Amino acid sequence: MLYRHSEATIALLRRAPVIPVLTVKDVGDALAQARALIAGGLTVLEITLRTAAATNAVTALAKTFPNALIGAGTVVEPNQIETAASAGAGFLVSPAMTPRLLEAAVRSPVPFLPGAATASEALALRERGFQALKFFPAEPAGGTKYLASLAGPLPDLLFCPTGGIDAQKAGDYLALPNVACVGGSWMVTPGLLAACDFGKVEQLAREASALRRPL
């Protein structure tokens, strides 16, 4: 079976140059982070499924911000796909793929962005119909030089590099023709959240939303 949401996945990656990756402690925290990020122009958000509050946060954000696109990340088990989609996630993201997770991902009811760190992994996902991939962990896996090298043999693949990317590095990745957007958390660092400095979060989001991408 081939993946059927390729066009929709590519479209969501092209919606904004940066997808903020949020780790939330409760629904109130999620709402505060999302409100600042969306005000700054970033309307595609990924909530990592690393905390007990994540699923409820996805539901709350999807209902509160209907014009934004709220996704669930760190999908590592097949059963998380249906759970997150039922909670209101508009897309799903995995850090990597296993054969069992891949079989579930191709049947995902919403766009699925699978993780790949090597050319072999990217090629295997391409064979199943995936054209948009998460490159993770971007910096440890080789950074812009490695990702640029994949554009020659795999020109039809688009990537969302995530992992170790900050505001400065984001621009370098976005200059690559095979990068649609980047994922990162530099707008919502623990220090800013601890200080409840959501004005700064909004400012960083505004700067991120102004980053340029290849046409």
N, C-alpha and C. Protein backbone atom coordinates (compact mmCIF):
# COMPACT_ATOMS: atom_id res chain seq x y z
N MET A 1 0.84 -1.20 0.00
CA MET A 1 0.00 0.00 0.00
C MET A 1 0.88 1.25 0.00
N LEU A 2 0.48 2.23 -0.84
CA LEU A 2 1.23 3.47 -0.93
C LEU A 2 0.56 4.58 -0.12
N TYR A 3 1.37 5.47 0.37
CA TYR A 3 0.88 6.63 1.12
C TYR A 3 0.09 7.54 0.18
N ARG A 4 -1.07 8.03 0.65
CA ARG A 4 -1.98 8.77 -0.23
C ARG A 4 -2.09 10.25 0.10
N HIS A 5 -1.35 10.73 1.09
CA HIS A 5 -1.48 12.14 1.49
C HIS A 5 -0.26 12.99 1.11
N SER A 6 0.48 12.58 0.08
CA SER A 6 1.71 13.29 -0.25
C SER A 6 1.46 14.76 -0.56
N GLU A 7 0.49 15.06 -1.40
CA GLU A 7 0.24 16.45 -1.77
C GLU A 7 -0.19 17.28 -0.57
N ALA A 8 -1.02 16.73 0.28
CA ALA A 8 -1.47 17.45 1.47
C ALA A 8 -0.31 17.69 2.44
N THR A 9 0.60 16.71 2.54
CA THR A 9 1.74 16.88 3.43
C THR A 9 2.66 17.97 2.93
N ILE A 10 2.92 17.98 1.63
CA ILE A 10 3.76 19.02 1.04
C ILE A 10 3.12 20.39 1.24
N ALA A 11 1.82 20.46 1.06
CA ALA A 11 1.12 21.75 1.21
C ALA A 11 1.26 22.29 2.63
N LEU A 12 1.17 21.43 3.63
CA LEU A 12 1.27 21.93 5.01
C LEU A 12 2.69 22.38 5.32
N LEU A 13 3.68 21.73 4.72
CA LEU A 13 5.06 22.15 4.95
C LEU A 13 5.36 23.50 4.31
N ARG A 14 4.66 23.81 3.24
CA ARG A 14 4.88 25.08 2.55
C ARG A 14 4.07 26.22 3.16
N ARG A 15 3.26 25.91 4.15
CA ARG A 15 2.39 26.94 4.73
C ARG A 15 3.17 27.97 5.53
N ALA A 16 4.26 27.58 6.16
CA ALA A 16 5.09 28.51 6.95
C ALA A 16 6.53 28.04 6.89
N PRO A 17 7.50 28.96 6.98
CA PRO A 17 8.89 28.54 6.89
C PRO A 17 9.39 27.78 8.12
N VAL A 18 8.69 27.93 9.24
CA VAL A 18 9.12 27.26 10.48
C VAL A 18 7.91 26.62 11.16
N ILE A 19 8.09 25.38 11.58
CA ILE A 19 7.08 24.70 12.41
C ILE A 19 7.63 24.63 13.83
N PRO A 20 7.06 25.40 14.75
CA PRO A 20 7.51 25.33 16.14
C PRO A 20 7.17 23.96 16.74
N VAL A 21 8.12 23.43 17.49
CA VAL A 21 7.92 22.15 18.16
C VAL A 21 7.73 22.43 19.65
N LEU A 22 6.53 22.13 20.15
CA LEU A 22 6.16 22.49 21.52
C LEU A 22 6.12 21.27 22.42
N THR A 23 6.73 21.39 23.59
CA THR A 23 6.55 20.43 24.68
C THR A 23 5.76 21.14 25.76
N VAL A 24 4.59 20.61 26.10
CA VAL A 24 3.67 21.35 26.98
C VAL A 24 3.47 20.61 28.30
N LYS A 25 3.32 21.40 29.38
CA LYS A 25 3.13 20.79 30.70
C LYS A 25 1.66 20.63 31.05
N ASP A 26 0.81 21.50 30.46
CA ASP A 26 -0.63 21.38 30.66
C ASP A 26 -1.32 22.18 29.57
N VAL A 27 -2.64 22.14 29.55
CA VAL A 27 -3.40 22.81 28.48
C VAL A 27 -3.19 24.31 28.52
N GLY A 28 -3.15 24.89 29.72
CA GLY A 28 -2.94 26.33 29.84
C GLY A 28 -1.60 26.75 29.25
N ASP A 29 -0.59 25.96 29.50
CA ASP A 29 0.74 26.22 28.94
C ASP A 29 0.68 26.15 27.42
N ALA A 30 0.02 25.14 26.90
CA ALA A 30 -0.10 24.98 25.45
C ALA A 30 -0.81 26.17 24.81
N LEU A 31 -1.90 26.63 25.44
CA LEU A 31 -2.65 27.75 24.90
C LEU A 31 -1.81 29.03 24.88
N ALA A 32 -1.05 29.24 25.94
CA ALA A 32 -0.21 30.44 26.01
C ALA A 32 0.88 30.43 24.95
N GLN A 33 1.53 29.28 24.78
CA GLN A 33 2.57 29.19 23.76
C GLN A 33 1.97 29.39 22.36
N ALA A 34 0.87 28.70 22.10
CA ALA A 34 0.26 28.77 20.78
C ALA A 34 -0.23 30.17 20.46
N ARG A 35 -0.82 30.83 21.43
CA ARG A 35 -1.36 32.18 21.19
C ARG A 35 -0.25 33.12 20.74
N ALA A 36 0.91 33.05 21.39
CA ALA A 36 2.03 33.93 21.04
C ALA A 36 2.61 33.57 19.68
N LEU A 37 2.76 32.29 19.42
CA LEU A 37 3.33 31.85 18.16
C LEU A 37 2.44 32.21 16.97
N ILE A 38 1.15 31.99 17.13
CA ILE A 38 0.21 32.30 16.06
C ILE A 38 0.13 33.80 15.82
N ALA A 39 0.17 34.58 16.91
CA ALA A 39 0.18 36.04 16.78
C ALA A 39 1.41 36.50 16.00
N GLY A 40 2.51 35.75 16.13
CA GLY A 40 3.73 36.07 15.42
C GLY A 40 3.76 35.57 13.98
N GLY A 41 2.71 34.88 13.57
CA GLY A 41 2.61 34.46 12.17
C GLY A 41 2.92 33.01 11.88
N LEU A 42 3.21 32.22 12.91
CA LEU A 42 3.47 30.79 12.72
C LEU A 42 2.20 30.01 13.03
N THR A 43 1.58 29.49 12.00
CA THR A 43 0.24 28.90 12.15
C THR A 43 0.22 27.38 11.99
N VAL A 44 1.41 26.77 11.91
CA VAL A 44 1.51 25.31 11.90
C VAL A 44 2.34 24.93 13.12
N LEU A 45 1.74 24.24 14.07
CA LEU A 45 2.39 23.92 15.33
C LEU A 45 2.42 22.41 15.55
N GLU A 46 3.53 21.93 16.09
CA GLU A 46 3.66 20.51 16.42
C GLU A 46 3.75 20.35 17.93
N ILE A 47 2.83 19.59 18.49
CA ILE A 47 2.84 19.28 19.92
C ILE A 47 3.47 17.90 20.09
N THR A 48 4.57 17.82 20.82
CA THR A 48 5.21 16.53 21.00
C THR A 48 4.43 15.67 22.00
N LEU A 49 4.31 14.40 21.67
CA LEU A 49 3.59 13.47 22.55
C LEU A 49 4.54 12.94 23.63
N ARG A 50 5.19 13.86 24.33
CA ARG A 50 6.17 13.47 25.36
C ARG A 50 5.64 13.70 26.76
N THR A 51 4.51 14.35 26.88
CA THR A 51 3.96 14.63 28.21
C THR A 51 2.53 14.14 28.30
N ALA A 52 2.06 13.97 29.53
CA ALA A 52 0.70 13.47 29.74
C ALA A 52 -0.35 14.45 29.23
N ALA A 53 0.01 15.72 29.12
CA ALA A 53 -0.95 16.74 28.71
C ALA A 53 -1.06 16.89 27.20
N ALA A 54 -0.19 16.22 26.45
CA ALA A 54 -0.09 16.48 25.01
C ALA A 54 -1.38 16.26 24.24
N THR A 55 -2.04 15.14 24.46
CA THR A 55 -3.25 14.83 23.68
C THR A 55 -4.36 15.83 23.97
N ASN A 56 -4.58 16.15 25.24
CA ASN A 56 -5.59 17.15 25.59
C ASN A 56 -5.22 18.52 25.02
N ALA A 57 -3.92 18.80 24.97
CA ALA A 57 -3.47 20.08 24.42
C ALA A 57 -3.79 20.17 22.93
N VAL A 58 -3.57 19.08 22.21
CA VAL A 58 -3.90 19.06 20.78
C VAL A 58 -5.38 19.37 20.57
N THR A 59 -6.23 18.74 21.36
CA THR A 59 -7.67 18.97 21.25
C THR A 59 -8.02 20.43 21.53
N ALA A 60 -7.45 20.97 22.61
CA ALA A 60 -7.75 22.35 22.99
C ALA A 60 -7.27 23.35 21.94
N LEU A 61 -6.08 23.14 21.41
CA LEU A 61 -5.55 24.07 20.42
C LEU A 61 -6.32 23.99 19.10
N ALA A 62 -6.70 22.79 18.70
CA ALA A 62 -7.45 22.63 17.46
C ALA A 62 -8.80 23.34 17.54
N LYS A 63 -9.41 23.31 18.72
CA LYS A 63 -10.71 23.97 18.90
C LYS A 63 -10.56 25.48 19.07
N THR A 64 -9.51 25.91 19.75
CA THR A 64 -9.33 27.33 20.05
C THR A 64 -8.81 28.11 18.85
N PHE A 65 -7.99 27.46 18.03
CA PHE A 65 -7.37 28.14 16.89
C PHE A 65 -7.72 27.40 15.59
N PRO A 66 -8.97 27.51 15.14
CA PRO A 66 -9.40 26.75 13.97
C PRO A 66 -8.69 27.14 12.68
N ASN A 67 -8.11 28.32 12.63
CA ASN A 67 -7.40 28.74 11.42
C ASN A 67 -5.94 28.32 11.41
N ALA A 68 -5.49 27.73 12.51
CA ALA A 68 -4.13 27.19 12.57
C ALA A 68 -4.18 25.70 12.27
N LEU A 69 -3.02 25.11 12.07
CA LEU A 69 -2.93 23.67 11.84
C LEU A 69 -2.12 23.07 12.98
N ILE A 70 -2.78 22.26 13.78
CA ILE A 70 -2.16 21.69 14.98
C ILE A 70 -1.83 20.22 14.73
N GLY A 71 -0.57 19.87 14.89
CA GLY A 71 -0.15 18.50 14.68
C GLY A 71 0.40 17.87 15.94
N ALA A 72 0.61 16.57 15.88
CA ALA A 72 1.19 15.82 17.00
C ALA A 72 2.49 15.18 16.54
N GLY A 73 3.55 15.38 17.32
CA GLY A 73 4.85 14.82 16.96
C GLY A 73 5.33 13.78 17.96
N THR A 74 6.51 13.25 17.67
CA THR A 74 7.10 12.16 18.45
C THR A 74 6.15 10.95 18.44
N VAL A 75 5.58 10.68 17.28
CA VAL A 75 4.76 9.48 17.11
C VAL A 75 5.72 8.30 16.93
N VAL A 76 5.71 7.37 17.87
CA VAL A 76 6.64 6.25 17.83
C VAL A 76 5.94 4.89 17.90
N GLU A 77 4.63 4.91 18.10
CA GLU A 77 3.85 3.67 18.17
C GLU A 77 2.65 3.76 17.23
N PRO A 78 2.29 2.69 16.55
CA PRO A 78 1.15 2.73 15.64
C PRO A 78 -0.15 3.20 16.28
N ASN A 79 -0.41 2.81 17.53
CA ASN A 79 -1.67 3.18 18.17
C ASN A 79 -1.78 4.69 18.41
N GLN A 80 -0.64 5.40 18.42
CA GLN A 80 -0.69 6.84 18.62
C GLN A 80 -1.29 7.56 17.42
N ILE A 81 -1.26 6.95 16.27
CA ILE A 81 -1.78 7.59 15.06
C ILE A 81 -3.27 7.86 15.20
N GLU A 82 -4.04 6.86 15.50
CA GLU A 82 -5.48 7.03 15.62
C GLU A 82 -5.84 7.88 16.83
N THR A 83 -5.11 7.70 17.92
CA THR A 83 -5.38 8.49 19.13
C THR A 83 -5.19 9.97 18.87
N ALA A 84 -4.07 10.34 18.24
CA ALA A 84 -3.78 11.75 17.98
C ALA A 84 -4.74 12.33 16.95
N ALA A 85 -5.03 11.56 15.91
CA ALA A 85 -5.96 12.04 14.89
C ALA A 85 -7.36 12.25 15.48
N SER A 86 -7.79 11.34 16.33
CA SER A 86 -9.09 11.48 16.98
C SER A 86 -9.13 12.67 17.93
N ALA A 87 -7.97 13.04 18.48
CA ALA A 87 -7.90 14.18 19.38
C ALA A 87 -7.96 15.51 18.64
N GLY A 88 -7.82 15.46 17.32
CA GLY A 88 -7.91 16.68 16.52
C GLY A 88 -6.65 17.07 15.79
N ALA A 89 -5.62 16.23 15.86
CA ALA A 89 -4.38 16.55 15.15
C ALA A 89 -4.60 16.59 13.65
N GLY A 90 -4.12 17.65 13.02
CA GLY A 90 -4.27 17.80 11.58
C GLY A 90 -3.15 17.16 10.80
N PHE A 91 -2.07 16.80 11.49
CA PHE A 91 -0.96 16.08 10.87
C PHE A 91 -0.17 15.40 11.97
N LEU A 92 0.68 14.44 11.57
CA LEU A 92 1.46 13.67 12.52
C LEU A 92 2.92 13.64 12.07
N VAL A 93 3.82 13.55 13.05
CA VAL A 93 5.25 13.55 12.77
C VAL A 93 5.93 12.47 13.58
N SER A 94 6.83 11.73 12.94
CA SER A 94 7.62 10.73 13.67
C SER A 94 9.10 11.10 13.59
N PRO A 95 9.89 10.75 14.60
CA PRO A 95 11.33 11.03 14.55
C PRO A 95 12.08 10.05 13.66
N ALA A 96 11.51 8.87 13.45
CA ALA A 96 12.12 7.82 12.63
C ALA A 96 11.01 6.81 12.30
N MET A 97 11.37 5.80 11.52
CA MET A 97 10.36 4.82 11.14
C MET A 97 10.87 3.40 11.39
N THR A 98 9.93 2.52 11.76
CA THR A 98 10.17 1.09 11.84
C THR A 98 9.21 0.43 10.86
N PRO A 99 9.42 -0.80 10.49
CA PRO A 99 8.48 -1.47 9.59
C PRO A 99 7.04 -1.45 10.10
N ARG A 100 6.88 -1.68 11.41
CA ARG A 100 5.53 -1.70 11.98
C ARG A 100 4.89 -0.32 11.95
N LEU A 101 5.66 0.71 12.28
CA LEU A 101 5.11 2.07 12.25
C LEU A 101 4.84 2.51 10.81
N LEU A 102 5.67 2.11 9.88
CA LEU A 102 5.47 2.47 8.48
C LEU A 102 4.16 1.89 7.95
N GLU A 103 3.87 0.65 8.29
CA GLU A 103 2.62 0.05 7.81
C GLU A 103 1.40 0.81 8.33
N ALA A 104 1.49 1.34 9.54
CA ALA A 104 0.40 2.14 10.09
C ALA A 104 0.38 3.53 9.48
N ALA A 105 1.55 4.08 9.21
CA ALA A 105 1.64 5.45 8.70
C ALA A 105 1.03 5.59 7.31
N VAL A 106 1.20 4.60 6.46
CA VAL A 106 0.65 4.71 5.11
C VAL A 106 -0.88 4.71 5.14
N ARG A 107 -1.45 4.27 6.25
CA ARG A 107 -2.91 4.26 6.40
C ARG A 107 -3.42 5.41 7.28
N SER A 108 -2.54 6.31 7.64
CA SER A 108 -2.91 7.42 8.52
C SER A 108 -4.07 8.23 7.95
N PRO A 109 -5.05 8.58 8.78
CA PRO A 109 -6.19 9.37 8.29
C PRO A 109 -5.84 10.83 8.03
N VAL A 110 -4.68 11.28 8.51
CA VAL A 110 -4.24 12.67 8.31
C VAL A 110 -2.81 12.63 7.77
N PRO A 111 -2.33 13.73 7.19
CA PRO A 111 -0.96 13.76 6.67
C PRO A 111 0.06 13.33 7.70
N PHE A 112 1.01 12.54 7.25
CA PHE A 112 2.03 11.97 8.13
C PHE A 112 3.40 12.35 7.60
N LEU A 113 4.25 12.92 8.46
CA LEU A 113 5.61 13.31 8.10
C LEU A 113 6.57 12.35 8.79
N PRO A 114 7.11 11.38 8.06
CA PRO A 114 7.99 10.38 8.68
C PRO A 114 9.43 10.87 8.77
N GLY A 115 10.13 10.43 9.80
CA GLY A 115 11.50 10.84 10.00
C GLY A 115 12.49 9.94 9.28
N ALA A 116 13.54 10.56 8.74
CA ALA A 116 14.62 9.83 8.09
C ALA A 116 15.93 10.55 8.37
N ALA A 117 17.00 9.78 8.55
CA ALA A 117 18.30 10.38 8.83
C ALA A 117 19.36 9.99 7.80
N THR A 118 19.03 9.04 6.92
CA THR A 118 19.99 8.57 5.92
C THR A 118 19.34 8.50 4.55
N ALA A 119 20.19 8.39 3.53
CA ALA A 119 19.69 8.24 2.16
C ALA A 119 18.89 6.95 2.00
N SER A 120 19.35 5.90 2.65
CA SER A 120 18.63 4.62 2.56
C SER A 120 17.23 4.72 3.16
N GLU A 121 17.13 5.38 4.31
CA GLU A 121 15.81 5.55 4.94
C GLU A 121 14.91 6.41 4.07
N ALA A 122 15.46 7.48 3.49
CA ALA A 122 14.67 8.35 2.63
C ALA A 122 14.19 7.59 1.40
N LEU A 123 15.05 6.78 0.82
CA LEU A 123 14.68 6.02 -0.37
C LEU A 123 13.61 4.99 -0.06
N ALA A 124 13.71 4.34 1.09
CA ALA A 124 12.70 3.36 1.49
C ALA A 124 11.33 4.01 1.66
N LEU A 125 11.30 5.21 2.23
CA LEU A 125 10.03 5.92 2.40
C LEU A 125 9.49 6.39 1.06
N ARG A 126 10.38 6.81 0.18
CA ARG A 126 9.97 7.23 -1.16
C ARG A 126 9.28 6.08 -1.89
N GLU A 127 9.78 4.87 -1.72
CA GLU A 127 9.20 3.70 -2.38
C GLU A 127 7.76 3.44 -1.92
N ARG A 128 7.41 3.91 -0.71
CA ARG A 128 6.06 3.73 -0.20
C ARG A 128 5.17 4.93 -0.50
N GLY A 129 5.68 5.90 -1.25
CA GLY A 129 4.86 7.03 -1.68
C GLY A 129 5.04 8.31 -0.90
N PHE A 130 5.95 8.32 0.07
CA PHE A 130 6.20 9.54 0.84
C PHE A 130 7.15 10.45 0.07
N GLN A 131 6.73 11.69 -0.13
CA GLN A 131 7.57 12.67 -0.83
C GLN A 131 8.05 13.79 0.09
N ALA A 132 7.44 13.91 1.26
CA ALA A 132 7.84 14.91 2.25
C ALA A 132 8.29 14.18 3.50
N LEU A 133 9.51 14.47 3.95
CA LEU A 133 10.10 13.75 5.07
C LEU A 133 10.65 14.72 6.10
N LYS A 134 10.70 14.27 7.33
CA LYS A 134 11.41 14.99 8.38
C LYS A 134 12.85 14.50 8.38
N PHE A 135 13.82 15.41 8.31
CA PHE A 135 15.23 15.05 8.41
C PHE A 135 15.64 15.25 9.86
N PHE A 136 15.86 14.14 10.57
CA PHE A 136 16.09 14.20 12.02
C PHE A 136 17.08 13.12 12.44
N PRO A 137 17.98 13.46 13.37
CA PRO A 137 18.25 14.78 13.94
C PRO A 137 19.15 15.58 13.00
N ALA A 138 18.69 16.69 12.52
CA ALA A 138 19.32 17.39 11.41
C ALA A 138 20.80 17.70 11.62
N GLU A 139 21.13 18.40 12.69
CA GLU A 139 22.52 18.80 12.90
C GLU A 139 23.43 17.59 13.17
N PRO A 140 23.10 16.70 14.10
CA PRO A 140 23.96 15.54 14.33
C PRO A 140 24.06 14.61 13.11
N ALA A 141 23.02 14.59 12.27
CA ALA A 141 23.00 13.67 11.12
C ALA A 141 23.77 14.19 9.91
N GLY A 142 24.29 15.40 9.98
CA GLY A 142 25.07 15.89 8.86
C GLY A 142 24.75 17.30 8.42
N GLY A 143 23.67 17.86 8.93
CA GLY A 143 23.35 19.26 8.66
C GLY A 143 23.06 19.58 7.21
N THR A 144 23.31 20.82 6.85
CA THR A 144 22.96 21.29 5.50
C THR A 144 23.77 20.59 4.41
N LYS A 145 25.04 20.26 4.69
CA LYS A 145 25.85 19.61 3.65
C LYS A 145 25.28 18.24 3.29
N TYR A 146 24.89 17.50 4.31
CA TYR A 146 24.33 16.17 4.05
C TYR A 146 23.01 16.29 3.30
N LEU A 147 22.15 17.19 3.77
CA LEU A 147 20.83 17.31 3.15
C LEU A 147 20.95 17.80 1.72
N ALA A 148 21.86 18.73 1.46
CA ALA A 148 22.06 19.23 0.10
C ALA A 148 22.51 18.11 -0.82
N SER A 149 23.28 17.16 -0.30
CA SER A 149 23.77 16.06 -1.13
C SER A 149 22.67 15.11 -1.58
N LEU A 150 21.54 15.13 -0.87
CA LEU A 150 20.42 14.25 -1.25
C LEU A 150 19.60 14.81 -2.40
N ALA A 151 19.76 16.10 -2.69
CA ALA A 151 18.95 16.73 -3.74
C ALA A 151 19.26 16.17 -5.12
N GLY A 152 20.51 15.72 -5.34
CA GLY A 152 20.88 15.17 -6.64
C GLY A 152 20.22 13.84 -6.93
N PRO A 153 20.44 12.82 -6.10
CA PRO A 153 19.85 11.50 -6.38
C PRO A 153 18.36 11.41 -6.05
N LEU A 154 17.87 12.30 -5.18
CA LEU A 154 16.46 12.22 -4.76
C LEU A 154 15.81 13.60 -4.94
N PRO A 155 15.74 14.10 -6.17
CA PRO A 155 15.26 15.47 -6.40
C PRO A 155 13.78 15.68 -6.13
N ASP A 156 13.01 14.60 -6.04
CA ASP A 156 11.57 14.74 -5.85
C ASP A 156 11.17 14.73 -4.38
N LEU A 157 12.14 14.65 -3.47
CA LEU A 157 11.83 14.65 -2.05
C LEU A 157 12.00 16.04 -1.45
N LEU A 158 11.08 16.39 -0.54
CA LEU A 158 11.17 17.63 0.22
C LEU A 158 11.35 17.28 1.69
N PHE A 159 12.10 18.13 2.40
CA PHE A 159 12.42 17.83 3.79
C PHE A 159 12.04 18.97 4.73
N CYS A 160 11.76 18.56 5.96
CA CYS A 160 11.61 19.49 7.08
C CYS A 160 12.68 19.10 8.09
N PRO A 161 13.88 19.69 8.00
CA PRO A 161 14.93 19.36 8.96
C PRO A 161 14.59 19.85 10.36
N THR A 162 14.85 19.03 11.35
CA THR A 162 14.55 19.34 12.74
C THR A 162 15.63 18.71 13.62
N GLY A 163 16.04 19.44 14.64
CA GLY A 163 17.02 18.89 15.57
C GLY A 163 18.29 19.71 15.59
N GLY A 164 18.44 20.55 16.62
CA GLY A 164 19.63 21.36 16.76
C GLY A 164 19.63 22.62 15.92
N ILE A 165 18.46 23.01 15.42
CA ILE A 165 18.37 24.19 14.54
C ILE A 165 17.94 25.40 15.35
N ASP A 166 18.65 26.51 15.13
CA ASP A 166 18.29 27.77 15.76
C ASP A 166 17.95 28.78 14.66
N ALA A 167 17.72 30.04 15.05
CA ALA A 167 17.30 31.05 14.09
C ALA A 167 18.32 31.24 12.97
N GLN A 168 19.59 31.23 13.30
CA GLN A 168 20.62 31.44 12.29
C GLN A 168 20.74 30.25 11.35
N LYS A 169 20.75 29.06 11.90
CA LYS A 169 20.87 27.86 11.08
C LYS A 169 19.63 27.64 10.22
N ALA A 170 18.48 28.11 10.68
CA ALA A 170 17.25 27.94 9.92
C ALA A 170 17.37 28.55 8.53
N GLY A 171 17.96 29.73 8.45
CA GLY A 171 18.13 30.39 7.16
C GLY A 171 19.00 29.59 6.22
N ASP A 172 20.04 28.93 6.75
CA ASP A 172 20.91 28.11 5.91
C ASP A 172 20.15 26.91 5.34
N TYR A 173 19.33 26.28 6.16
CA TYR A 173 18.53 25.15 5.67
C TYR A 173 17.49 25.61 4.64
N LEU A 174 16.85 26.72 4.91
CA LEU A 174 15.79 27.20 4.02
C LEU A 174 16.33 27.64 2.67
N ALA A 175 17.63 27.85 2.57
CA ALA A 175 18.24 28.21 1.28
C ALA A 175 18.39 26.99 0.37
N LEU A 176 18.22 25.79 0.91
CA LEU A 176 18.36 24.57 0.11
C LEU A 176 17.09 24.33 -0.71
N PRO A 177 17.22 23.91 -1.95
CA PRO A 177 16.04 23.70 -2.80
C PRO A 177 15.16 22.53 -2.37
N ASN A 178 15.72 21.59 -1.59
CA ASN A 178 14.91 20.44 -1.16
C ASN A 178 14.39 20.59 0.27
N VAL A 179 14.39 21.81 0.79
CA VAL A 179 13.84 22.09 2.12
C VAL A 179 12.60 22.96 1.99
N ALA A 180 11.48 22.48 2.51
CA ALA A 180 10.23 23.24 2.45
C ALA A 180 10.06 24.12 3.67
N CYS A 181 10.54 23.64 4.82
CA CYS A 181 10.44 24.39 6.08
C CYS A 181 11.37 23.73 7.07
N VAL A 182 11.52 24.32 8.25
CA VAL A 182 12.32 23.70 9.30
C VAL A 182 11.47 23.59 10.56
N GLY A 183 11.85 22.67 11.42
CA GLY A 183 11.21 22.55 12.72
C GLY A 183 12.17 22.98 13.80
N GLY A 184 11.66 23.62 14.84
CA GLY A 184 12.54 24.07 15.91
C GLY A 184 11.80 24.58 17.12
N SER A 185 12.56 24.77 18.19
CA SER A 185 11.98 25.22 19.46
C SER A 185 12.64 26.47 20.00
N TRP A 186 13.42 27.16 19.17
CA TRP A 186 14.14 28.33 19.69
C TRP A 186 13.21 29.48 20.06
N MET A 187 11.99 29.46 19.58
CA MET A 187 11.02 30.50 19.95
C MET A 187 10.39 30.24 21.31
N VAL A 188 10.47 28.99 21.77
CA VAL A 188 9.81 28.60 23.03
C VAL A 188 10.81 27.87 23.93
N THR A 189 11.92 28.53 24.22
CA THR A 189 12.93 27.92 25.07
C THR A 189 12.42 27.82 26.51
N PRO A 190 12.96 26.88 27.29
CA PRO A 190 12.53 26.76 28.69
C PRO A 190 12.66 28.06 29.47
N GLY A 191 13.71 28.83 29.19
CA GLY A 191 13.91 30.08 29.91
C GLY A 191 12.80 31.09 29.65
N LEU A 192 12.42 31.22 28.38
CA LEU A 192 11.34 32.14 28.04
C LEU A 192 10.02 31.70 28.66
N LEU A 193 9.76 30.41 28.64
CA LEU A 193 8.50 29.90 29.18
C LEU A 193 8.47 30.03 30.70
N ALA A 194 9.60 29.78 31.34
CA ALA A 194 9.66 29.92 32.79
C ALA A 194 9.42 31.35 33.22
N ALA A 195 9.86 32.30 32.39
CA ALA A 195 9.69 33.72 32.69
C ALA A 195 8.35 34.24 32.19
N CYS A 196 7.57 33.37 31.53
CA CYS A 196 6.29 33.78 30.93
C CYS A 196 6.48 34.98 30.00
N ASP A 197 7.60 34.99 29.29
CA ASP A 197 7.91 36.10 28.38
C ASP A 197 7.31 35.81 27.00
N PHE A 198 6.00 35.86 26.92
CA PHE A 198 5.34 35.53 25.67
C PHE A 198 5.44 36.65 24.64
N GLY A 199 5.78 37.83 25.10
CA GLY A 199 6.06 38.92 24.17
C GLY A 199 7.30 38.59 23.35
N LYS A 200 8.32 38.04 24.00
CA LYS A 200 9.53 37.63 23.30
C LYS A 200 9.25 36.44 22.39
N VAL A 201 8.42 35.52 22.85
CA VAL A 201 8.03 34.37 22.03
C VAL A 201 7.38 34.87 20.74
N GLU A 202 6.48 35.83 20.87
CA GLU A 202 5.81 36.38 19.69
C GLU A 202 6.81 37.07 18.77
N GLN A 203 7.74 37.80 19.35
CA GLN A 203 8.76 38.49 18.54
C GLN A 203 9.60 37.48 17.74
N LEU A 204 10.06 36.44 18.42
CA LEU A 204 10.86 35.42 17.74
C LEU A 204 10.05 34.70 16.67
N ALA A 205 8.77 34.49 16.94
CA ALA A 205 7.90 33.86 15.95
C ALA A 205 7.74 34.76 14.73
N ARG A 206 7.62 36.05 14.96
CA ARG A 206 7.47 37.00 13.85
C ARG A 206 8.73 37.00 12.98
N GLU A 207 9.88 36.95 13.63
CA GLU A 207 11.14 36.89 12.89
C GLU A 207 11.24 35.60 12.11
N ALA A 208 10.82 34.49 12.72
CA ALA A 208 10.87 33.20 12.04
C ALA A 208 9.92 33.14 10.86
N SER A 209 8.76 33.74 11.01
CA SER A 209 7.78 33.69 9.91
C SER A 209 8.22 34.54 8.73
N ALA A 210 9.18 35.43 8.95
CA ALA A 210 9.68 36.28 7.87
C ALA A 210 10.88 35.66 7.13
N LEU A 211 11.36 34.51 7.58
CA LEU A 211 12.48 33.86 6.91
C LEU A 211 12.09 33.49 5.48
N ARG A 212 13.02 33.61 4.59
CA ARG A 212 12.74 33.38 3.17
C ARG A 212 13.06 31.95 2.79
N ARG A 213 12.26 31.44 1.84
CA ARG A 213 12.47 30.10 1.31
C ARG A 213 12.68 30.17 -0.18
N PRO A 214 13.27 29.12 -0.79
CA PRO A 214 13.39 29.09 -2.26
C PRO A 214 12.00 29.10 -2.91
N LEU A 215 11.90 29.71 -4.06
CA LEU A 215 10.62 29.72 -4.77
C LEU A 215 10.33 28.35 -5.37
